[in-house]
Amino acid sequence: MRPRRLELRAPRTSHEWDRYHDTRKRCIFDRYHGKGSRYYCEYNPGCPDEHDPANHPLIFLADGEVIGTIRIDIKPGQCMAVFRLVAIDEPWQGQGLGAIMLAMAETHARRLGVDRICLNAVAAAYGFYARCGFTPSRWMAARTTTLKSR
């Protein structure tokens, strides 16, 4: 059943922050950066980047339940945003909700004065981002980046 109400906003409660971190850890770090993987990296919920004023940690809610996460980092002086750690929780995947969340994040970033949106993506996610209008591009020495301009 499709959710009736979708919302993208900053976490407000400790429960929402816990869901934000849990979703990112399970859906991104455990899946793509787990022990034994080529790009092993342990998730750190206390990372100072989460509290940088230029960064905007957001949760995606369906009928009030946290089902996804994204962080929008605004690069000062570049009119550019970087979408980071984009995740939809597994039970909600495959329903078009990731594309809706990206569109809402793009609107949010544009309101912040952004001209370009970049993201680093694992190869497995390339098709999803291409369907959402992103195209491959090089950005600041990143090897796999997609870019969407205004």
C-alpha atoms as a PDB file:
ATOM      1  CA  MET A   1       0.000   0.000   0.000  1.00  0.00           C
ATOM      2  CA  ARG A   2       1.381   3.395  -1.009  1.00  0.00           C
ATOM      3  CA  PRO A   3       1.883   5.926   1.764  1.00  0.00           C
ATOM      4  CA  ARG A   4      -0.583   8.792   1.866  1.00  0.00           C
ATOM      5  CA  ARG A   5       1.812  11.397   3.240  1.00  0.00           C
ATOM      6  CA  LEU A   6       5.507  11.803   2.408  1.00  0.00           C
ATOM      7  CA  GLU A   7       7.788  14.295   4.105  1.00  0.00           C
ATOM      8  CA  LEU A   8      11.499  15.185   3.916  1.00  0.00           C
ATOM      9  CA  ARG A   9      12.856  17.075   6.901  1.00  0.00           C
ATOM     10  CA  ALA A  10      15.539  17.210   9.587  1.00  0.00           C
ATOM     11  CA  PRO A  11      15.298  14.693  12.440  1.00  0.00           C
ATOM     12  CA  ARG A  12      13.619  16.259  15.478  1.00  0.00           C
ATOM     13  CA  THR A  13      13.676  13.608  18.187  1.00  0.00           C
ATOM     14  CA  SER A  14      16.231  11.163  19.544  1.00  0.00           C
ATOM     15  CA  HIS A  15      14.142   8.337  18.036  1.00  0.00           C
ATOM     16  CA  GLU A  16      14.320   9.973  14.581  1.00  0.00           C
ATOM     17  CA  TRP A  17      18.096  10.452  14.929  1.00  0.00           C
ATOM     18  CA  ASP A  18      18.424   6.789  15.945  1.00  0.00           C
ATOM     19  CA  ARG A  19      16.441   5.722  12.846  1.00  0.00           C
ATOM     20  CA  TYR A  20      18.533   8.069  10.672  1.00  0.00           C
ATOM     21  CA  HIS A  21      21.773   6.451  11.854  1.00  0.00           C
ATOM     22  CA  ASP A  22      20.417   2.887  11.887  1.00  0.00           C
ATOM     23  CA  THR A  23      19.108   3.160   8.320  1.00  0.00           C
ATOM     24  CA  ARG A  24      22.396   4.554   7.015  1.00  0.00           C
ATOM     25  CA  LYS A  25      24.431   1.926   8.838  1.00  0.00           C
ATOM     26  CA  ARG A  26      22.343  -1.039   7.643  1.00  0.00           C
ATOM     27  CA  CYS A  27      21.509   0.102   4.110  1.00  0.00           C
ATOM     28  CA  ILE A  28      24.849   1.653   3.163  1.00  0.00           C
ATOM     29  CA  PHE A  29      27.758   0.857   5.467  1.00  0.00           C
ATOM     30  CA  ASP A  30      26.906  -2.772   6.271  1.00  0.00           C
ATOM     31  CA  ARG A  31      25.943  -3.454   2.670  1.00  0.00           C
ATOM     32  CA  TYR A  32      28.750  -1.728   0.762  1.00  0.00           C
ATOM     33  CA  HIS A  33      31.482  -1.024   3.331  1.00  0.00           C
ATOM     34  CA  GLY A  34      31.285  -4.003   5.697  1.00  0.00           C
ATOM     35  CA  LYS A  35      34.203  -5.976   7.084  1.00  0.00           C
ATOM     36  CA  GLY A  36      36.019  -7.840   4.356  1.00  0.00           C
ATOM     37  CA  SER A  37      34.802  -5.503   1.622  1.00  0.00           C
ATOM     38  CA  ARG A  38      37.188  -3.646  -0.639  1.00  0.00           C
ATOM     39  CA  TYR A  39      36.074  -0.300   0.786  1.00  0.00           C
ATOM     40  CA  TYR A  40      35.678  -1.234   4.457  1.00  0.00           C
ATOM     41  CA  CYS A  41      34.653   1.725   6.564  1.00  0.00           C
ATOM     42  CA  GLU A  42      33.013   1.622   9.956  1.00  0.00           C
ATOM     43  CA  TYR A  43      29.959   3.814  10.461  1.00  0.00           C
ATOM     44  CA  ASN A  44      30.409   6.623  12.986  1.00  0.00           C
ATOM     45  CA  PRO A  45      27.133   8.203  14.162  1.00  0.00           C
ATOM     46  CA  GLY A  46      29.158  10.839  16.036  1.00  0.00           C
ATOM     47  CA  CYS A  47      30.913  12.109  12.910  1.00  0.00           C
ATOM     48  CA  PRO A  48      31.352  15.902  13.208  1.00  0.00           C
ATOM     49  CA  ASP A  49      30.154  16.317   9.593  1.00  0.00           C
ATOM     50  CA  GLU A  50      26.610  15.649  10.828  1.00  0.00           C
ATOM     51  CA  HIS A  51      26.704  18.934  12.756  1.00  0.00           C
ATOM     52  CA  ASP A  52      28.471  21.134  10.195  1.00  0.00           C
ATOM     53  CA  PRO A  53      26.121  24.076   9.469  1.00  0.00           C
ATOM     54  CA  ALA A  54      26.676  23.618   5.703  1.00  0.00           C
ATOM     55  CA  ASN A  55      25.356  20.043   5.909  1.00  0.00           C
ATOM     56  CA  HIS A  56      21.690  19.136   6.149  1.00  0.00           C
ATOM     57  CA  PRO A  57      20.888  15.648   7.518  1.00  0.00           C
ATOM     58  CA  LEU A  58      17.339  14.757   6.473  1.00  0.00           C
ATOM     59  CA  ILE A  59      14.910  11.921   7.058  1.00  0.00           C
ATOM     60  CA  PHE A  60      12.269  10.748   4.618  1.00  0.00           C
ATOM     61  CA  LEU A  61       8.992   9.829   6.277  1.00  0.00           C
ATOM     62  CA  ALA A  62       6.036   7.837   4.954  1.00  0.00           C
ATOM     63  CA  ASP A  63       2.906   8.398   7.018  1.00  0.00           C
ATOM     64  CA  GLY A  64       5.132   9.524   9.908  1.00  0.00           C
ATOM     65  CA  GLU A  65       7.536   6.541   9.788  1.00  0.00           C
ATOM     66  CA  VAL A  66      11.225   7.101   8.935  1.00  0.00           C
ATOM     67  CA  ILE A  67      11.898   5.073   5.776  1.00  0.00           C
ATOM     68  CA  GLY A  68      14.884   6.848   4.252  1.00  0.00           C
ATOM     69  CA  THR A  69      17.797   9.224   4.728  1.00  0.00           C
ATOM     70  CA  ILE A  70      19.865  11.698   2.792  1.00  0.00           C
ATOM     71  CA  ARG A  71      22.349  14.377   3.754  1.00  0.00           C
ATOM     72  CA  ILE A  72      22.673  17.463   1.581  1.00  0.00           C
ATOM     73  CA  ASP A  73      26.087  19.117   1.897  1.00  0.00           C
ATOM     74  CA  ILE A  74      26.259  22.634   0.512  1.00  0.00           C
ATOM     75  CA  LYS A  75      29.688  23.521  -0.877  1.00  0.00           C
ATOM     76  CA  PRO A  76      30.298  27.191  -0.042  1.00  0.00           C
ATOM     77  CA  GLY A  77      31.205  29.432  -2.962  1.00  0.00           C
ATOM     78  CA  GLN A  78      30.369  26.755  -5.547  1.00  0.00           C
ATOM     79  CA  CYS A  79      26.538  26.915  -5.741  1.00  0.00           C
ATOM     80  CA  MET A  80      26.712  23.136  -5.493  1.00  0.00           C
ATOM     81  CA  ALA A  81      25.199  20.498  -3.247  1.00  0.00           C
ATOM     82  CA  VAL A  82      26.400  16.969  -2.690  1.00  0.00           C
ATOM     83  CA  PHE A  83      23.802  14.322  -1.927  1.00  0.00           C
ATOM     84  CA  ARG A  84      25.375  11.902   0.535  1.00  0.00           C
ATOM     85  CA  LEU A  85      24.397   8.594   2.058  1.00  0.00           C
ATOM     86  CA  VAL A  86      21.118   8.264   0.190  1.00  0.00           C
ATOM     87  CA  ALA A  87      19.149   5.294   1.506  1.00  0.00           C
ATOM     88  CA  ILE A  88      15.655   3.857   1.483  1.00  0.00           C
ATOM     89  CA  ASP A  89      15.092   1.122   4.066  1.00  0.00           C
ATOM     90  CA  GLU A  90      14.763  -2.346   2.529  1.00  0.00           C
ATOM     91  CA  PRO A  91      11.045  -2.981   3.131  1.00  0.00           C
ATOM     92  CA  TRP A  92      10.284   0.223   1.199  1.00  0.00           C
ATOM     93  CA  GLN A  93      12.638  -0.282  -1.750  1.00  0.00           C
ATOM     94  CA  GLY A  94      11.322  -0.913  -5.260  1.00  0.00           C
ATOM     95  CA  GLN A  95       8.215   1.244  -4.870  1.00  0.00           C
ATOM     96  CA  GLY A  96       9.483   4.461  -6.468  1.00  0.00           C
ATOM     97  CA  LEU A  97       9.971   6.145  -3.106  1.00  0.00           C
ATOM     98  CA  GLY A  98      13.711   6.697  -3.628  1.00  0.00           C
ATOM     99  CA  ALA A  99      12.982   8.747  -6.750  1.00  0.00           C
ATOM    100  CA  ILE A 100      10.395  10.776  -4.840  1.00  0.00           C
ATOM    101  CA  MET A 101      12.867  11.386  -2.008  1.00  0.00           C
ATOM    102  CA  LEU A 102      15.536  12.530  -4.504  1.00  0.00           C
ATOM    103  CA  ALA A 103      13.086  14.933  -6.165  1.00  0.00           C
ATOM    104  CA  MET A 104      12.147  16.370  -2.772  1.00  0.00           C
ATOM    105  CA  ALA A 105      15.848  16.679  -1.853  1.00  0.00           C
ATOM    106  CA  GLU A 106      16.529  18.462  -5.130  1.00  0.00           C
ATOM    107  CA  THR A 107      13.747  20.958  -4.382  1.00  0.00           C
ATOM    108  CA  HIS A 108      15.187  21.455  -0.895  1.00  0.00           C
ATOM    109  CA  ALA A 109      18.695  22.048  -2.302  1.00  0.00           C
ATOM    110  CA  ARG A 110      17.426  24.486  -4.951  1.00  0.00           C
ATOM    111  CA  ARG A 111      15.749  26.520  -2.189  1.00  0.00           C
ATOM    112  CA  LEU A 112      19.207  26.791  -0.599  1.00  0.00           C
ATOM    113  CA  GLY A 113      20.538  28.437  -3.800  1.00  0.00           C
ATOM    114  CA  VAL A 114      22.172  25.446  -5.446  1.00  0.00           C
ATOM    115  CA  ASP A 115      22.840  25.306  -9.224  1.00  0.00           C
ATOM    116  CA  ARG A 116      24.394  21.829  -9.391  1.00  0.00           C
ATOM    117  CA  ILE A 117      23.839  18.606  -7.504  1.00  0.00           C
ATOM    118  CA  CYS A 118      26.500  15.937  -7.278  1.00  0.00           C
ATOM    119  CA  LEU A 119      26.672  12.576  -5.603  1.00  0.00           C
ATOM    120  CA  ASN A 120      29.141   9.758  -5.262  1.00  0.00           C
ATOM    121  CA  ALA A 121      27.481   6.468  -6.038  1.00  0.00           C
ATOM    122  CA  VAL A 122      28.355   2.808  -5.888  1.00  0.00           C
ATOM    123  CA  ALA A 123      28.205   1.090  -9.277  1.00  0.00           C
ATOM    124  CA  ALA A 124      25.108  -0.873  -8.226  1.00  0.00           C
ATOM    125  CA  ALA A 125      23.138   2.384  -7.868  1.00  0.00           C
ATOM    126  CA  TYR A 126      24.098   3.879 -11.245  1.00  0.00           C
ATOM    127  CA  GLY A 127      20.920   2.757 -13.028  1.00  0.00           C
ATOM    128  CA  PHE A 128      18.709   4.269 -10.332  1.00  0.00           C
ATOM    129  CA  TYR A 129      20.433   7.653 -10.532  1.00  0.00           C
ATOM    130  CA  ALA A 130      20.390   7.617 -14.339  1.00  0.00           C
ATOM    131  CA  ARG A 131      16.615   7.012 -14.271  1.00  0.00           C
ATOM    132  CA  CYS A 132      16.344  10.038 -11.947  1.00  0.00           C
ATOM    133  CA  GLY A 133      18.104  12.283 -14.489  1.00  0.00           C
ATOM    134  CA  PHE A 134      21.680  12.232 -13.202  1.00  0.00           C
ATOM    135  CA  THR A 135      24.546  11.788 -15.651  1.00  0.00           C
ATOM    136  CA  PRO A 136      28.117  10.615 -15.024  1.00  0.00           C
ATOM    137  CA  SER A 137      30.677  13.352 -14.564  1.00  0.00           C
ATOM    138  CA  ARG A 138      33.982  13.973 -12.830  1.00  0.00           C
ATOM    139  CA  TRP A 139      33.917  16.134  -9.750  1.00  0.00           C
ATOM    140  CA  MET A 140      36.818  17.103  -7.496  1.00  0.00           C
ATOM    141  CA  ALA A 141      38.870  13.929  -8.095  1.00  0.00           C
ATOM    142  CA  ALA A 142      35.947  11.592  -7.335  1.00  0.00           C
ATOM    143  CA  ARG A 143      36.023   8.482  -9.484  1.00  0.00           C
ATOM    144  CA  THR A 144      32.291   7.803  -9.697  1.00  0.00           C
ATOM    145  CA  THR A 145      30.078  10.835  -9.527  1.00  0.00           C
ATOM    146  CA  THR A 146      26.805  11.765 -11.076  1.00  0.00           C
ATOM    147  CA  LEU A 147      25.790  15.332 -11.735  1.00  0.00           C
ATOM    148  CA  LYS A 148      22.504  17.063 -12.278  1.00  0.00           C
ATOM    149  CA  SER A 149      22.444  20.734 -13.260  1.00  0.00           C
ATOM    150  CA  ARG A 150      19.586  23.169 -13.239  1.00  0.00           C
END
